[in-house]
């Protein structure tokens, strides 16, 4: 990685970690949601991996809600 890539990766990682903490989600949960392993999330958060077009953005994670096929999902009002 060149200097610019390192800076982008570091800032991306900081933003991803901040959004994940704000949402109260673990690296494992975030990885599950976006099809990544926990270790990949850790590399992204530390800036050791440069994000690509397949990498979830902090905003995509923070503003997306659970889907019907996620474990533990229950549609509001279900079971009443």
C-alpha atoms as a PDB file:
ATOM      1  CA  UNK A   1       0.000   0.000   0.000  1.00  0.00           C
ATOM      2  CA  UNK A   2       1.197   3.501  -0.733  1.00  0.00           C
ATOM      3  CA  UNK A   3       0.854   6.433   1.674  1.00  0.00           C
ATOM      4  CA  UNK A   4      -2.536   7.542   0.360  1.00  0.00           C
ATOM      5  CA  UNK A   5      -3.968   4.010   0.539  1.00  0.00           C
ATOM      6  CA  UNK A   6      -2.737   3.603   4.097  1.00  0.00           C
ATOM      7  CA  UNK A   7      -4.414   6.859   5.138  1.00  0.00           C
ATOM      8  CA  UNK A   8      -7.695   5.882   3.465  1.00  0.00           C
ATOM      9  CA  UNK A   9      -7.607   2.428   5.080  1.00  0.00           C
ATOM     10  CA  UNK A  10      -6.864   3.901   8.515  1.00  0.00           C
ATOM     11  CA  UNK A  11      -9.643   6.500   8.327  1.00  0.00           C
ATOM     12  CA  UNK A  12     -12.106   3.969   6.937  1.00  0.00           C
ATOM     13  CA  UNK A  13     -11.268   1.601   9.793  1.00  0.00           C
ATOM     14  CA  UNK A  14     -11.754   4.288  12.414  1.00  0.00           C
ATOM     15  CA  UNK A  15     -15.151   5.177  10.950  1.00  0.00           C
ATOM     16  CA  UNK A  16     -16.199   1.536  10.680  1.00  0.00           C
ATOM     17  CA  UNK A  17     -15.237   0.848  14.302  1.00  0.00           C
ATOM     18  CA  UNK A  18     -17.023   3.988  15.499  1.00  0.00           C
ATOM     19  CA  UNK A  19     -20.237   3.058  13.635  1.00  0.00           C
ATOM     20  CA  UNK A  20     -20.058  -0.535  14.874  1.00  0.00           C
ATOM     21  CA  UNK A  21     -19.613   0.548  18.488  1.00  0.00           C
ATOM     22  CA  UNK A  22     -22.411   3.098  18.183  1.00  0.00           C
ATOM     23  CA  UNK A  23     -24.696   0.339  16.918  1.00  0.00           C
ATOM     24  CA  UNK A  24     -23.594  -1.968  19.762  1.00  0.00           C
ATOM     25  CA  UNK A  25     -22.539  -4.718  17.354  1.00  0.00           C
ATOM     26  CA  UNK A  26     -19.617  -7.137  17.520  1.00  0.00           C
ATOM     27  CA  UNK A  27     -17.129  -7.719  14.732  1.00  0.00           C
ATOM     28  CA  UNK A  28     -18.642 -11.166  14.297  1.00  0.00           C
ATOM     29  CA  UNK A  29     -22.171  -9.775  13.908  1.00  0.00           C
ATOM     30  CA  UNK A  30     -20.990  -7.168  11.424  1.00  0.00           C
ATOM     31  CA  UNK A  31     -19.118  -9.798   9.443  1.00  0.00           C
ATOM     32  CA  UNK A  32     -22.186 -12.047   9.330  1.00  0.00           C
ATOM     33  CA  UNK A  33     -24.352  -9.216   8.065  1.00  0.00           C
ATOM     34  CA  UNK A  34     -21.988  -8.410   5.200  1.00  0.00           C
ATOM     35  CA  UNK A  35     -20.590 -11.832   4.392  1.00  0.00           C
ATOM     36  CA  UNK A  36     -17.136 -11.246   5.911  1.00  0.00           C
ATOM     37  CA  UNK A  37     -15.227 -13.079   8.611  1.00  0.00           C
ATOM     38  CA  UNK A  38     -14.597 -11.467  11.995  1.00  0.00           C
ATOM     39  CA  UNK A  39     -10.884 -11.395  11.216  1.00  0.00           C
ATOM     40  CA  UNK A  40     -11.564  -9.404   8.033  1.00  0.00           C
ATOM     41  CA  UNK A  41     -13.540  -6.844  10.033  1.00  0.00           C
ATOM     42  CA  UNK A  42     -10.610  -6.583  12.457  1.00  0.00           C
ATOM     43  CA  UNK A  43      -8.163  -6.002   9.599  1.00  0.00           C
ATOM     44  CA  UNK A  44     -10.415  -3.290   8.170  1.00  0.00           C
ATOM     45  CA  UNK A  45     -10.803  -1.577  11.538  1.00  0.00           C
ATOM     46  CA  UNK A  46      -7.035  -1.564  12.108  1.00  0.00           C
ATOM     47  CA  UNK A  47      -6.387  -0.180   8.623  1.00  0.00           C
ATOM     48  CA  UNK A  48      -4.431  -3.319   7.682  1.00  0.00           C
ATOM     49  CA  UNK A  49      -6.777  -4.043   4.770  1.00  0.00           C
ATOM     50  CA  UNK A  50      -7.805  -1.505   2.154  1.00  0.00           C
ATOM     51  CA  UNK A  51     -11.564  -1.409   1.559  1.00  0.00           C
ATOM     52  CA  UNK A  52     -12.768  -2.306  -1.929  1.00  0.00           C
ATOM     53  CA  UNK A  53     -16.109  -2.131  -3.730  1.00  0.00           C
ATOM     54  CA  UNK A  54     -17.308  -5.240  -1.839  1.00  0.00           C
ATOM     55  CA  UNK A  55     -16.532  -3.779   1.593  1.00  0.00           C
ATOM     56  CA  UNK A  56     -19.480  -2.484   3.646  1.00  0.00           C
ATOM     57  CA  UNK A  57     -19.326   1.205   4.393  1.00  0.00           C
ATOM     58  CA  UNK A  58     -19.893   2.399   7.946  1.00  0.00           C
ATOM     59  CA  UNK A  59     -23.074   4.158   6.801  1.00  0.00           C
ATOM     60  CA  UNK A  60     -24.406   1.043   5.080  1.00  0.00           C
ATOM     61  CA  UNK A  61     -23.999  -0.913   8.290  1.00  0.00           C
ATOM     62  CA  UNK A  62     -25.291   1.741  10.628  1.00  0.00           C
ATOM     63  CA  UNK A  63     -28.391   2.608   8.619  1.00  0.00           C
ATOM     64  CA  UNK A  64     -29.348  -0.870   7.446  1.00  0.00           C
ATOM     65  CA  UNK A  65     -31.780  -2.844   9.510  1.00  0.00           C
ATOM     66  CA  UNK A  66     -32.018  -6.566  10.027  1.00  0.00           C
ATOM     67  CA  UNK A  67     -33.553  -8.699   7.309  1.00  0.00           C
ATOM     68  CA  UNK A  68     -36.068 -11.507   7.626  1.00  0.00           C
ATOM     69  CA  UNK A  69     -33.423 -14.191   7.139  1.00  0.00           C
ATOM     70  CA  UNK A  70     -31.102 -13.012   9.924  1.00  0.00           C
ATOM     71  CA  UNK A  71     -31.112 -15.141  13.083  1.00  0.00           C
ATOM     72  CA  UNK A  72     -33.130 -13.550  15.846  1.00  0.00           C
ATOM     73  CA  UNK A  73     -35.074 -11.266  13.516  1.00  0.00           C
ATOM     74  CA  UNK A  74     -38.654 -10.776  14.482  1.00  0.00           C
ATOM     75  CA  UNK A  75     -40.904  -8.451  12.530  1.00  0.00           C
ATOM     76  CA  UNK A  76     -42.440  -5.782  14.795  1.00  0.00           C
ATOM     77  CA  UNK A  77     -45.879  -6.897  15.928  1.00  0.00           C
ATOM     78  CA  UNK A  78     -45.235 -10.549  15.077  1.00  0.00           C
ATOM     79  CA  UNK A  79     -46.618 -13.118  17.474  1.00  0.00           C
ATOM     80  CA  UNK A  80     -49.412 -10.923  18.763  1.00  0.00           C
END
